[in-house]
């Protein structure tokens, strides 16, 4: 039977079935291929990485003054490396910051990097060069005050980071302001304004005027004292003029200084001493100067008692220096040498024993001496003219000087060293001793290293005295003359030879002298000349004499 379809329809249907078959065959074969592919290794799957991105890149602050710093901040996504240029800064942090101090306006580039690529961002930091601050005004009102008064300092500035006013170290950060001051002397105040560029200054003066009345020293006297003890103290007072005052001692040479060992506070006028070295009556001239440089002067008396009991211990009690020297008492022979008679032309000359008196005012009179402990430190001593027995000795800076340090005379310095700790008692003497801020110098000196004996210096060698004699044990001291009495009613005696000087002497020596101190020559009984600078009699002490 024929289908109702036409041949053409059948042919068309056949084609359609053929196409369906082909599709079906493809569907049947596809699982086979899929199964066959499953028998092999899977192919790798690659995930693509995105390039980095920069979220922020900023500077804080964006504008700075040269010398200051700014902070660069960044935040990125996907970056594995960070670089900031110019410069060498690098980081692996996706976000962070760095502090930089550019000296000029600079454009910075931030570069963020990863394996896929890079990203960049730029910014500019503006750098301005600093300028000095300015001071528009700095004044004092009033410009003149009396002691205790107040002046107001006022200022106006710009561009300063700090302000300072000196003296007083008054600090401020205010561009303008005021401060009250009450100076005790005429004062110039200096305002200093500072910033990164540097500093500028301005000044204002506040004058201290007179309190009324002339400048005057009101102190008329000071307490006395005793050598080798502390001073009770004295304060020089002044009135009038323009305080504050400064105090000093006239050092022109016309007046003595304060007694050795004493000092005066220049700002208060207080005179103190932990240990007085000088002895005798000193009348220095005290000078007070006020804030206007006006001066007032007054002489003040300082009476310092000696402390010379130690002199009886210089040499033994049997020493010729502790005995009468007349023939009846000592049994010493009378010198019959040609040098013994006094030449008639010399008879009017003066014999000068060294008794203290007031003839040398305002300087202390006589030759002072001082006792020091066995542990008194040695100091250097330079001898400039004649013989030297020691180049260092226990001579304290406060040792008294004959005529004081302002003297141009003999300037003897006598120091007795106490025995102790294995040291012998010793006597050190200097002629023309000078101590100007140290060390000591002299024109000649002598040493008796053990005055517990009667040993003299070598024959033919001088001492601080021209005749080669010691000075200390031959002084007439107030201590021994006053005795148990008073200065106005003494009852003591000087029971030892007393040092004196002559206008004329021949060029020979007699024991206990050890050196010549004169000029001229003599002849012996036969008329032959006796050699000068020789011992003409008593070259050695007698074997015995009666005390």
Protein backbone atom coordinates (compact mmCIF):
# COMPACT_ATOMS: atom_id res chain seq x y z
CA UNK A 1 0.00 0.00 0.00
CA UNK A 2 1.09 3.32 -0.66
CA UNK A 3 1.32 5.84 1.91
CA UNK A 4 -0.79 8.75 1.51
CA UNK A 5 2.36 10.78 1.27
CA UNK A 6 3.59 11.71 -2.10
CA UNK A 7 6.86 10.55 -3.50
CA UNK A 8 8.16 13.93 -2.98
CA UNK A 9 6.93 13.86 0.51
CA UNK A 10 8.51 10.49 1.02
CA UNK A 11 11.76 11.67 -0.33
CA UNK A 12 11.54 14.62 1.92
CA UNK A 13 10.79 12.39 4.86
CA UNK A 14 13.66 10.12 4.00
CA UNK A 15 16.00 13.10 4.21
CA UNK A 16 14.58 14.11 7.48
CA UNK A 17 15.07 10.65 8.90
CA UNK A 18 18.59 10.63 7.58
CA UNK A 19 19.36 13.85 9.40
CA UNK A 20 17.84 12.45 12.56
CA UNK A 21 19.97 9.38 12.17
CA UNK A 22 23.09 11.39 11.81
CA UNK A 23 22.23 13.33 14.93
CA UNK A 24 21.46 10.15 16.71
CA UNK A 25 24.73 8.68 15.64
CA UNK A 26 26.52 11.75 16.97
CA UNK A 27 24.74 11.40 20.25
CA UNK A 28 25.63 7.70 20.38
CA UNK A 29 29.31 8.37 19.61
CA UNK A 30 29.74 11.36 22.01
CA UNK A 31 29.68 9.31 25.19
CA UNK A 32 32.35 7.11 23.72
CA UNK A 33 34.60 10.08 23.12
CA UNK A 34 33.88 11.44 26.57
CA UNK A 35 34.74 8.14 28.11
CA UNK A 36 37.89 7.97 26.04
CA UNK A 37 38.92 11.49 27.17
CA UNK A 38 38.43 10.53 30.82
CA UNK A 39 41.26 8.07 30.46
CA UNK A 40 43.82 10.91 30.01
CA UNK A 41 45.39 13.56 32.56
CA UNK A 42 43.14 16.64 33.06
CA UNK A 43 44.34 19.89 31.48
CA UNK A 44 45.57 22.71 33.98
CA UNK A 45 43.24 25.56 34.70
CA UNK A 46 45.02 29.07 35.03
CA UNK A 47 43.43 31.89 37.17
CA UNK A 48 44.33 35.42 35.98
CA UNK A 49 45.81 37.92 38.67
CA UNK A 50 44.67 41.53 38.58
CA UNK A 51 47.19 44.42 38.48
CA UNK A 52 47.70 46.42 41.76
CA UNK A 53 45.64 49.49 42.48
CA UNK A 54 46.48 52.57 44.62
CA UNK A 55 43.71 53.66 46.91
CA UNK A 56 45.39 56.69 48.50
CA UNK A 57 48.76 58.48 48.37
CA UNK A 58 48.92 61.62 50.50
CA UNK A 59 51.34 63.92 52.43
CA UNK A 60 50.73 65.43 55.84
CA UNK A 61 51.38 68.31 55.72
CA UNK A 62 51.51 69.10 52.05
CA UNK A 63 53.51 72.29 52.70
CA UNK A 64 56.47 72.62 55.10
CA UNK A 65 59.24 75.06 56.03
CA UNK A 66 62.75 73.94 55.10
CA UNK A 67 64.16 71.94 57.96
CA UNK A 68 60.77 70.47 58.90
CA UNK A 69 59.34 67.02 58.00
CA UNK A 70 56.25 65.61 56.28
CA UNK A 71 54.71 62.13 56.43
CA UNK A 72 53.82 60.31 53.18
CA UNK A 73 50.95 57.79 53.59
CA UNK A 74 49.77 55.11 51.12
CA UNK A 75 47.09 52.41 50.86
CA UNK A 76 47.13 49.92 47.94
CA UNK A 77 45.40 46.70 46.88
CA UNK A 78 47.24 43.72 45.42
CA UNK A 79 50.72 45.30 45.68
CA UNK A 80 53.67 43.13 46.68
CA UNK A 81 56.26 45.93 46.47
CA UNK A 82 56.18 49.66 47.19
CA UNK A 83 58.75 52.29 46.16
CA UNK A 84 58.82 56.05 46.75
CA UNK A 85 60.99 58.21 44.52
CA UNK A 86 63.01 60.36 44.47
CA UNK A 87 64.94 58.52 47.14
CA UNK A 88 65.53 54.86 47.87
CA UNK A 89 62.60 54.08 50.11
CA UNK A 90 61.07 50.59 49.49
CA UNK A 91 58.54 48.47 51.34
CA UNK A 92 56.55 45.24 50.97
CA UNK A 93 53.61 46.59 52.97
CA UNK A 94 50.47 47.31 50.95
CA UNK A 95 49.80 50.26 53.23
CA UNK A 96 52.04 52.36 55.48
CA UNK A 97 53.90 55.66 55.87
CA UNK A 98 57.38 57.23 55.69
CA UNK A 99 58.71 60.51 57.17
CA UNK A 100 60.75 62.65 54.78
CA UNK A 101 62.47 66.04 55.09
CA UNK A 102 62.85 67.58 51.65
CA UNK A 103 64.90 70.75 51.42
CA UNK A 104 63.08 72.01 48.33
CA UNK A 105 59.67 71.58 46.73
CA UNK A 106 59.57 67.93 45.59
CA UNK A 107 57.19 65.75 43.52
CA UNK A 108 57.09 62.23 44.92
CA UNK A 109 55.99 59.12 42.92
CA UNK A 110 54.52 56.06 44.62
CA UNK A 111 54.95 52.88 42.53
CA UNK A 112 52.97 49.77 43.51
CA UNK A 113 54.07 46.50 41.87
CA UNK A 114 52.93 42.86 41.60
CA UNK A 115 53.48 40.00 39.11
CA UNK A 116 50.87 41.32 36.72
CA UNK A 117 51.91 44.95 36.51
CA UNK A 118 52.38 48.29 38.26
CA UNK A 119 50.41 51.33 39.32
CA UNK A 120 51.72 54.79 40.13
CA UNK A 121 50.54 57.93 41.86
CA UNK A 122 52.23 61.31 42.37
CA UNK A 123 51.99 64.23 44.81
CA UNK A 124 53.95 67.40 45.43
CA UNK A 125 55.25 68.61 48.81
CA UNK A 126 55.82 72.35 48.80
CA UNK A 127 58.89 73.54 50.73
CA UNK A 128 59.23 77.20 51.65
CA UNK A 129 62.44 78.79 52.87
CA UNK A 130 62.17 80.26 56.42
CA UNK A 131 62.60 83.95 57.14
CA UNK A 132 63.88 85.53 60.33
CA UNK A 133 61.30 86.65 62.86
CA UNK A 134 60.74 90.37 63.33
CA UNK A 135 60.57 92.45 66.51
CA UNK A 136 58.31 95.40 65.94
CA UNK A 137 58.90 96.88 69.39
CA UNK A 138 60.55 96.17 72.74
CA UNK A 139 60.25 98.90 75.36
CA UNK A 140 60.57 99.53 79.10
CA UNK A 141 58.11 101.77 80.94
CA UNK A 142 59.24 103.62 82.93
CA UNK A 143 62.86 103.63 81.77
CA UNK A 144 64.11 104.85 85.17
CA UNK A 145 63.17 103.56 88.64
CA UNK A 146 64.39 103.75 92.23
CA UNK A 147 65.36 100.64 94.18
CA UNK A 148 62.26 98.49 94.68
CA UNK A 149 60.42 100.14 91.80
CA UNK A 150 58.79 98.29 88.88
CA UNK A 151 59.21 98.73 85.15
CA UNK A 152 57.06 96.99 82.53
CA UNK A 153 58.74 95.40 79.52
CA UNK A 154 56.47 95.21 76.43
CA UNK A 155 57.07 93.48 73.11
CA UNK A 156 55.46 92.95 69.71
CA UNK A 157 56.89 90.35 67.32
CA UNK A 158 55.96 88.19 64.35
CA UNK A 159 57.21 84.90 62.96
CA UNK A 160 58.86 83.74 66.19
CA UNK A 161 58.43 80.31 67.67
CA UNK A 162 60.08 81.19 71.01
CA UNK A 163 60.85 84.40 72.88
CA UNK A 164 63.35 84.91 75.71
CA UNK A 165 64.17 87.95 77.84
CA UNK A 166 67.49 88.08 79.73
CA UNK A 167 68.66 88.59 82.38
CA UNK A 168 66.04 86.56 84.15
CA UNK A 169 65.42 83.94 81.45
CA UNK A 170 61.82 85.05 80.97
CA UNK A 171 60.48 82.71 78.25
CA UNK A 172 57.30 83.12 76.20
CA UNK A 173 55.66 81.88 73.00
CA UNK A 174 53.30 84.84 72.72
CA UNK A 175 53.96 87.13 69.77
CA UNK A 176 53.19 90.12 72.00
CA UNK A 177 52.98 90.61 75.74
CA UNK A 178 54.32 92.31 78.87
CA UNK A 179 56.29 91.39 81.99
CA UNK A 180 57.17 93.40 85.11
CA UNK A 181 60.79 93.66 86.29
CA UNK A 182 62.37 95.19 89.40
CA UNK A 183 66.16 95.30 88.87
CA UNK A 184 68.51 96.12 91.74
CA UNK A 185 70.96 97.87 89.44
CA UNK A 186 70.82 99.62 86.09
CA UNK A 187 70.06 96.78 83.70
CA UNK A 188 69.82 96.33 79.95
CA UNK A 189 67.27 93.64 79.07
CA UNK A 190 67.63 91.73 75.78
CA UNK A 191 64.67 90.17 73.93
CA UNK A 192 65.60 87.26 71.64
CA UNK A 193 63.04 86.08 69.05
CA UNK A 194 63.81 82.71 67.44
CA UNK A 195 62.46 80.48 64.66
CA UNK A 196 63.92 77.90 62.28
CA UNK A 197 65.70 80.60 60.30
CA UNK A 198 67.57 81.97 63.32
CA UNK A 199 67.29 84.69 65.95
CA UNK A 200 66.97 88.46 66.18
CA UNK A 201 67.37 90.63 69.29
CA UNK A 202 66.29 93.97 70.68
CA UNK A 203 67.18 95.68 73.97
CA UNK A 204 65.58 97.96 76.53
CA UNK A 205 67.38 99.65 79.42
CA UNK A 206 65.98 100.22 82.91
CA UNK A 207 68.09 102.72 84.88
CA UNK A 208 68.27 102.69 88.68
CA UNK A 209 68.35 106.23 90.05
CA UNK A 210 69.60 107.54 93.36
CA UNK A 211 67.61 106.80 96.49
CA UNK A 212 68.46 110.24 97.73
CA UNK A 213 71.48 111.63 99.54
CA UNK A 214 75.17 111.20 98.77
CA UNK A 215 76.83 107.80 98.81
CA UNK A 216 78.45 107.24 102.19
CA UNK A 217 80.15 104.44 104.18
CA UNK A 218 78.51 104.36 107.60
CA UNK A 219 80.77 101.74 109.21
CA UNK A 220 83.43 103.45 111.30
CA UNK A 221 85.20 100.51 112.94
CA UNK A 222 85.61 96.74 112.78
CA UNK A 223 86.43 94.24 115.47
CA UNK A 224 90.04 93.26 116.04
CA UNK A 225 91.26 89.71 116.11
CA UNK A 226 94.07 87.35 117.02
CA UNK A 227 96.50 85.70 114.66
CA UNK A 228 95.94 81.99 113.92
CA UNK A 229 92.27 82.18 114.95
CA UNK A 230 89.03 82.76 113.04
CA UNK A 231 87.81 86.34 112.65
CA UNK A 232 84.59 87.35 114.41
CA UNK A 233 83.51 89.21 111.28
CA UNK A 234 82.60 92.71 110.19
CA UNK A 235 80.22 94.01 107.50
CA UNK A 236 80.83 97.33 105.80
CA UNK A 237 77.56 99.30 105.46
CA UNK A 238 76.73 102.13 103.07
CA UNK A 239 73.81 104.46 102.42
CA UNK A 240 72.68 106.89 99.74
CA UNK A 241 73.66 106.79 96.12
CA UNK A 242 72.09 104.20 93.85
CA UNK A 243 72.17 100.66 95.22
CA UNK A 244 73.22 97.97 94.86
CA UNK A 245 76.75 98.59 96.09
CA UNK A 246 80.02 96.84 95.37
CA UNK A 247 82.84 96.81 97.93
CA UNK A 248 86.62 96.69 97.49
CA UNK A 249 89.90 97.60 99.18
CA UNK A 250 92.17 100.32 97.75
CA UNK A 251 95.14 98.51 96.19
CA UNK A 252 97.02 101.56 94.93
CA UNK A 253 99.88 100.91 97.34
CA UNK A 254 99.10 103.95 99.48
CA UNK A 255 97.17 101.79 101.95
CA UNK A 256 97.61 98.26 103.29
CA UNK A 257 95.35 95.42 102.25
CA UNK A 258 93.16 93.64 104.77
CA UNK A 259 95.17 91.61 107.31
CA UNK A 260 96.51 88.46 105.66
CA UNK A 261 93.95 85.67 105.67
CA UNK A 262 90.96 88.04 105.57
CA UNK A 263 88.69 88.58 102.56
CA UNK A 264 85.71 90.77 101.75
CA UNK A 265 82.57 89.83 99.82
CA UNK A 266 82.38 92.36 96.99
CA UNK A 267 78.57 92.34 96.90
CA UNK A 268 77.77 92.40 100.63
CA UNK A 269 80.80 94.06 102.22
CA UNK A 270 81.14 91.19 104.69
CA UNK A 271 84.71 90.62 105.94
CA UNK A 272 85.56 87.10 107.13
CA UNK A 273 88.51 84.82 107.81
CA UNK A 274 88.65 81.16 108.88
CA UNK A 275 92.22 81.84 110.08
CA UNK A 276 93.91 85.21 110.46
CA UNK A 277 97.50 85.26 109.26
CA UNK A 278 98.46 88.90 109.79
CA UNK A 279 99.39 90.69 112.99
CA UNK A 280 99.63 94.34 113.91
CA UNK A 281 97.42 97.33 113.11
CA UNK A 282 96.16 97.62 109.55
CA UNK A 283 94.23 100.68 108.36
CA UNK A 284 93.09 99.86 104.82
CA UNK A 285 90.91 102.17 102.76
CA UNK A 286 87.53 100.63 101.98
CA UNK A 287 85.85 101.68 98.72
CA UNK A 288 82.12 101.38 97.96
CA UNK A 289 80.83 101.88 94.41
CA UNK A 290 77.14 102.31 93.57
CA UNK A 291 75.14 101.47 90.44
CA UNK A 292 76.03 104.82 88.84
CA UNK A 293 79.77 104.23 89.45
CA UNK A 294 79.87 106.86 92.17
CA UNK A 295 82.33 105.97 94.97
CA UNK A 296 82.79 106.64 98.66
CA UNK A 297 85.88 105.79 100.73
CA UNK A 298 86.71 105.31 104.39
CA UNK A 299 89.69 104.00 106.37
CA UNK A 300 88.83 101.23 108.82
CA UNK A 301 91.14 100.08 111.61
CA UNK A 302 91.90 96.37 112.12
CA UNK A 303 93.99 95.64 115.22
CA UNK A 304 95.28 92.06 115.14
CA UNK A 305 97.05 90.64 118.17
CA UNK A 306 100.13 88.55 117.49
CA UNK A 307 100.43 84.96 118.65
CA UNK A 308 104.18 84.74 119.00
CA UNK A 309 104.73 82.69 122.15
CA UNK A 310 106.23 80.03 119.87
CA UNK A 311 109.31 82.21 119.27
CA UNK A 312 110.80 81.14 122.59
CA UNK A 313 110.99 77.63 121.11
CA UNK A 314 113.11 78.73 118.16
CA UNK A 315 116.43 77.21 119.27
CA UNK A 316 117.00 75.71 122.70
CA UNK A 317 116.90 77.52 126.01
CA UNK A 318 120.73 77.31 126.06
CA UNK A 319 121.05 79.05 122.71
CA UNK A 320 122.91 82.36 122.55
CA UNK A 321 119.72 83.75 121.05
CA UNK A 322 117.89 83.29 124.36
CA UNK A 323 120.55 84.81 126.65
CA UNK A 324 121.93 88.13 127.69
CA UNK A 325 125.10 88.95 125.78
CA UNK A 326 126.91 91.22 128.24
CA UNK A 327 130.29 90.03 129.52
CA UNK A 328 129.31 89.99 133.18
CA UNK A 329 126.38 87.66 132.64
CA UNK A 330 127.61 85.37 129.90
CA UNK A 331 131.40 85.41 130.56
CA UNK A 332 131.84 85.95 126.84
CA UNK A 333 135.19 87.60 126.06
CA UNK A 334 135.25 91.21 124.95
CA UNK A 335 136.11 91.63 121.29
CA UNK A 336 139.47 93.37 121.09
CA UNK A 337 139.89 93.01 117.36
CA UNK A 338 140.51 96.05 115.15
CA UNK A 339 136.87 95.89 114.18
CA UNK A 340 135.66 96.39 117.74
CA UNK A 341 136.15 100.17 118.16
CA UNK A 342 133.60 102.33 116.42
CA UNK A 343 135.14 104.77 114.02
CA UNK A 344 134.66 108.28 115.34
CA UNK A 345 133.06 109.42 112.13
CA UNK A 346 130.32 106.83 112.68
CA UNK A 347 129.51 107.80 116.28
CA UNK A 348 126.56 110.07 115.34
CA UNK A 349 124.99 107.20 113.33
CA UNK A 350 121.76 105.62 114.50
CA UNK A 351 121.35 102.23 116.10
CA UNK A 352 117.88 101.03 115.18
CA UNK A 353 116.31 98.39 117.40
CA UNK A 354 113.06 97.02 115.99
CA UNK A 355 110.44 98.04 118.54
CA UNK A 356 106.89 98.29 117.27
CA UNK A 357 105.25 101.73 117.24
CA UNK A 358 102.66 103.72 115.33
CA UNK A 359 105.12 105.49 113.06
CA UNK A 360 104.29 103.33 110.08
CA UNK A 361 100.53 103.92 109.99
CA UNK A 362 98.41 103.03 108.11
CA UNK A 363 100.64 99.95 107.61
CA UNK A 364 101.41 97.54 110.46
CA UNK A 365 104.86 98.16 111.93
CA UNK A 366 107.57 95.64 112.75
CA UNK A 367 108.34 92.17 111.43
CA UNK A 368 105.53 89.60 111.76
CA UNK A 369 105.95 85.85 112.20
CA UNK A 370 103.56 82.92 112.12
CA UNK A 371 103.40 79.37 113.43
CA UNK A 372 102.04 76.60 111.18
CA UNK A 373 101.22 72.95 111.98
CA UNK A 374 103.59 70.12 111.10
CA UNK A 375 101.31 69.04 108.23
CA UNK A 376 101.26 72.45 106.55
CA UNK A 377 101.67 71.67 102.81
CA UNK A 378 104.89 72.70 101.10
CA UNK A 379 104.60 75.17 98.23
CA UNK A 380 107.14 76.25 95.64
CA UNK A 381 109.38 79.23 96.39
CA UNK A 382 111.53 80.89 93.71
CA UNK A 383 114.58 82.91 94.82
CA UNK A 384 115.56 85.66 92.42
CA UNK A 385 118.65 87.47 93.78
CA UNK A 386 120.78 85.96 96.58
CA UNK A 387 121.21 82.61 98.31
CA UNK A 388 118.46 80.04 98.60
CA UNK A 389 118.25 77.31 101.23
CA UNK A 390 114.89 75.94 100.07
CA UNK A 391 112.92 75.81 96.82
CA UNK A 392 109.73 74.78 98.60
CA UNK A 393 108.50 75.15 102.13
CA UNK A 394 105.41 75.26 104.37
CA UNK A 395 104.64 78.90 103.56
CA UNK A 396 100.87 79.45 103.53
CA UNK A 397 99.30 82.05 101.27
CA UNK A 398 98.10 83.89 104.40
CA UNK A 399 101.60 84.18 105.92
CA UNK A 400 102.09 87.80 107.05
CA UNK A 401 104.56 89.97 105.15
CA UNK A 402 106.58 92.76 106.77
CA UNK A 403 104.85 95.95 105.66
CA UNK A 404 102.11 93.84 103.96
CA UNK A 405 101.94 92.81 100.32
CA UNK A 406 101.69 96.52 99.37
CA UNK A 407 105.13 97.26 100.85
CA UNK A 408 108.23 98.03 98.80
CA UNK A 409 110.59 97.41 101.75
CA UNK A 410 112.29 94.35 103.21
CA UNK A 411 109.10 92.27 103.24
CA UNK A 412 110.45 89.62 105.63
CA UNK A 413 108.32 86.46 105.94
CA UNK A 414 109.02 84.27 109.00
CA UNK A 415 107.39 80.84 109.37
CA UNK A 416 107.92 78.43 112.28
CA UNK A 417 106.94 74.82 111.59
CA UNK A 418 105.66 72.90 114.62
CA UNK A 419 107.19 69.48 115.29
CA UNK A 420 105.06 66.39 114.75
CA UNK A 421 104.64 63.16 112.82
CA UNK A 422 108.40 62.70 112.60
CA UNK A 423 109.11 66.27 111.50
CA UNK A 424 111.53 68.50 113.42
CA UNK A 425 110.62 72.03 114.45
CA UNK A 426 112.00 74.26 111.72
CA UNK A 427 112.37 77.93 110.86
CA UNK A 428 111.88 79.32 107.35
CA UNK A 429 112.73 82.95 106.62
CA UNK A 430 112.42 84.95 103.41
CA UNK A 431 113.59 88.42 102.45
CA UNK A 432 111.41 90.40 100.05
CA UNK A 433 108.76 87.72 100.02
CA UNK A 434 106.07 88.25 97.40
CA UNK A 435 102.83 86.31 96.94
CA UNK A 436 100.72 87.69 94.11
CA UNK A 437 98.16 84.99 93.36
CA UNK A 438 100.96 82.48 94.04
CA UNK A 439 103.48 81.03 94.09
CA UNK A 440 105.89 82.70 96.51
CA UNK A 441 109.05 84.43 95.33
CA UNK A 442 111.83 86.02 97.40
CA UNK A 443 115.19 87.72 96.95
CA UNK A 444 116.92 85.43 99.46
CA UNK A 445 115.90 82.87 102.05
CA UNK A 446 117.30 80.70 104.83
CA UNK A 447 116.26 77.55 106.65
CA UNK A 448 117.07 76.11 110.06
CA UNK A 449 115.78 72.56 109.62
CA UNK A 450 115.89 71.64 113.31
CA UNK A 451 115.63 74.46 115.83
CA UNK A 452 115.57 71.94 118.66
CA UNK A 453 119.36 72.26 118.27
CA UNK A 454 121.61 75.34 118.27
CA UNK A 455 123.05 74.73 114.81
CA UNK A 456 123.68 77.89 112.83
CA UNK A 457 123.92 78.34 109.08
CA UNK A 458 127.29 77.63 107.44
CA UNK A 459 130.07 80.18 108.03
CA UNK A 460 130.42 82.51 105.07
CA UNK A 461 126.87 81.97 103.86
CA UNK A 462 124.25 84.61 104.45
CA UNK A 463 120.61 84.25 105.39
CA UNK A 464 117.55 86.41 104.96
CA UNK A 465 119.50 88.86 107.12
CA UNK A 466 122.79 90.18 105.75
CA UNK A 467 124.86 89.06 108.77
CA UNK A 468 123.67 85.47 108.45
CA UNK A 469 121.64 85.67 111.67
CA UNK A 470 118.11 84.37 112.17
CA UNK A 471 115.47 87.08 112.50
CA UNK A 472 112.64 85.35 114.39
CA UNK A 473 114.27 84.69 117.80
CA UNK A 474 115.69 88.26 117.94
CA UNK A 475 112.37 90.09 117.60
CA UNK A 476 111.02 92.16 120.47
CA UNK A 477 107.45 90.92 120.75
CA UNK A 478 104.45 92.57 122.34
CA UNK A 479 103.55 89.22 123.93
CA UNK A 480 106.66 89.13 126.07
CA UNK A 481 106.79 92.87 126.78
CA UNK A 482 103.14 93.07 127.90
CA UNK A 483 103.57 89.95 130.03
CA UNK A 484 100.63 89.58 132.41
CA UNK A 485 99.87 93.29 132.18
CA UNK A 486 98.08 95.29 129.52
CA UNK A 487 99.28 97.20 126.46
CA UNK A 488 99.01 100.42 128.42
CA UNK A 489 100.49 98.85 131.56
CA UNK A 490 102.99 96.16 130.47
CA UNK A 491 104.98 94.20 133.07
CA UNK A 492 106.95 91.74 130.94
CA UNK A 493 110.56 91.74 129.79
CA UNK A 494 112.36 90.69 126.64
CA UNK A 495 114.91 88.21 127.95
CA UNK A 496 116.95 87.65 124.82
CA UNK A 497 119.14 89.62 122.39
CA UNK A 498 117.21 92.06 120.21
CA UNK A 499 117.79 92.55 116.52
CA UNK A 500 119.00 95.98 115.45
CA UNK A 501 120.56 97.59 112.39
CA UNK A 502 123.44 100.02 111.88
CA UNK A 503 124.24 102.58 109.25
CA UNK A 504 127.91 101.52 109.00
CA UNK A 505 129.68 98.17 109.40
CA UNK A 506 133.02 96.75 108.36
CA UNK A 507 133.26 93.82 105.99
CA UNK A 508 133.89 91.14 108.64
CA UNK A 509 131.76 88.97 110.89
CA UNK A 510 131.91 87.89 114.53
CA UNK A 511 130.18 84.81 115.93
CA UNK A 512 127.26 84.11 116.05
CA UNK A 513 127.04 85.99 112.74
CA UNK A 514 128.00 83.88 109.72
CA UNK A 515 128.48 86.45 106.96
CA UNK A 516 129.69 89.96 106.33
CA UNK A 517 127.30 92.86 106.01
CA UNK A 518 129.52 95.92 105.52
CA UNK A 519 132.34 97.58 103.63
CA UNK A 520 135.96 98.49 104.31
CA UNK A 521 138.89 96.63 105.92
CA UNK A 522 141.12 96.52 109.02
CA UNK A 523 144.77 95.98 109.90
CA UNK A 524 146.11 93.77 112.64
CA UNK A 525 148.50 94.89 115.42
CA UNK A 526 151.48 94.39 113.12
CA UNK A 527 149.92 96.63 110.51
CA UNK A 528 149.15 93.82 108.06
CA UNK A 529 145.79 93.99 106.32
CA UNK A 530 143.17 91.55 107.56
CA UNK A 531 141.45 89.83 104.66
CA UNK A 532 137.90 91.02 104.26
CA UNK A 533 134.93 88.68 104.47
CA UNK A 534 136.63 86.64 107.17
CA UNK A 535 135.96 85.71 110.79
CA UNK A 536 138.20 88.01 112.78
CA UNK A 537 137.35 86.69 116.24
CA UNK A 538 135.12 84.19 117.97
CA UNK A 539 134.90 82.02 114.86
CA UNK A 540 133.29 79.34 117.04
CA UNK A 541 131.22 79.73 120.20
CA UNK A 542 133.06 79.54 123.55
CA UNK A 543 133.18 76.12 125.10
CA UNK A 544 131.06 77.37 128.01
CA UNK A 545 129.31 80.47 129.11
CA UNK A 546 127.18 81.30 132.14
CA UNK A 547 123.45 81.69 131.57
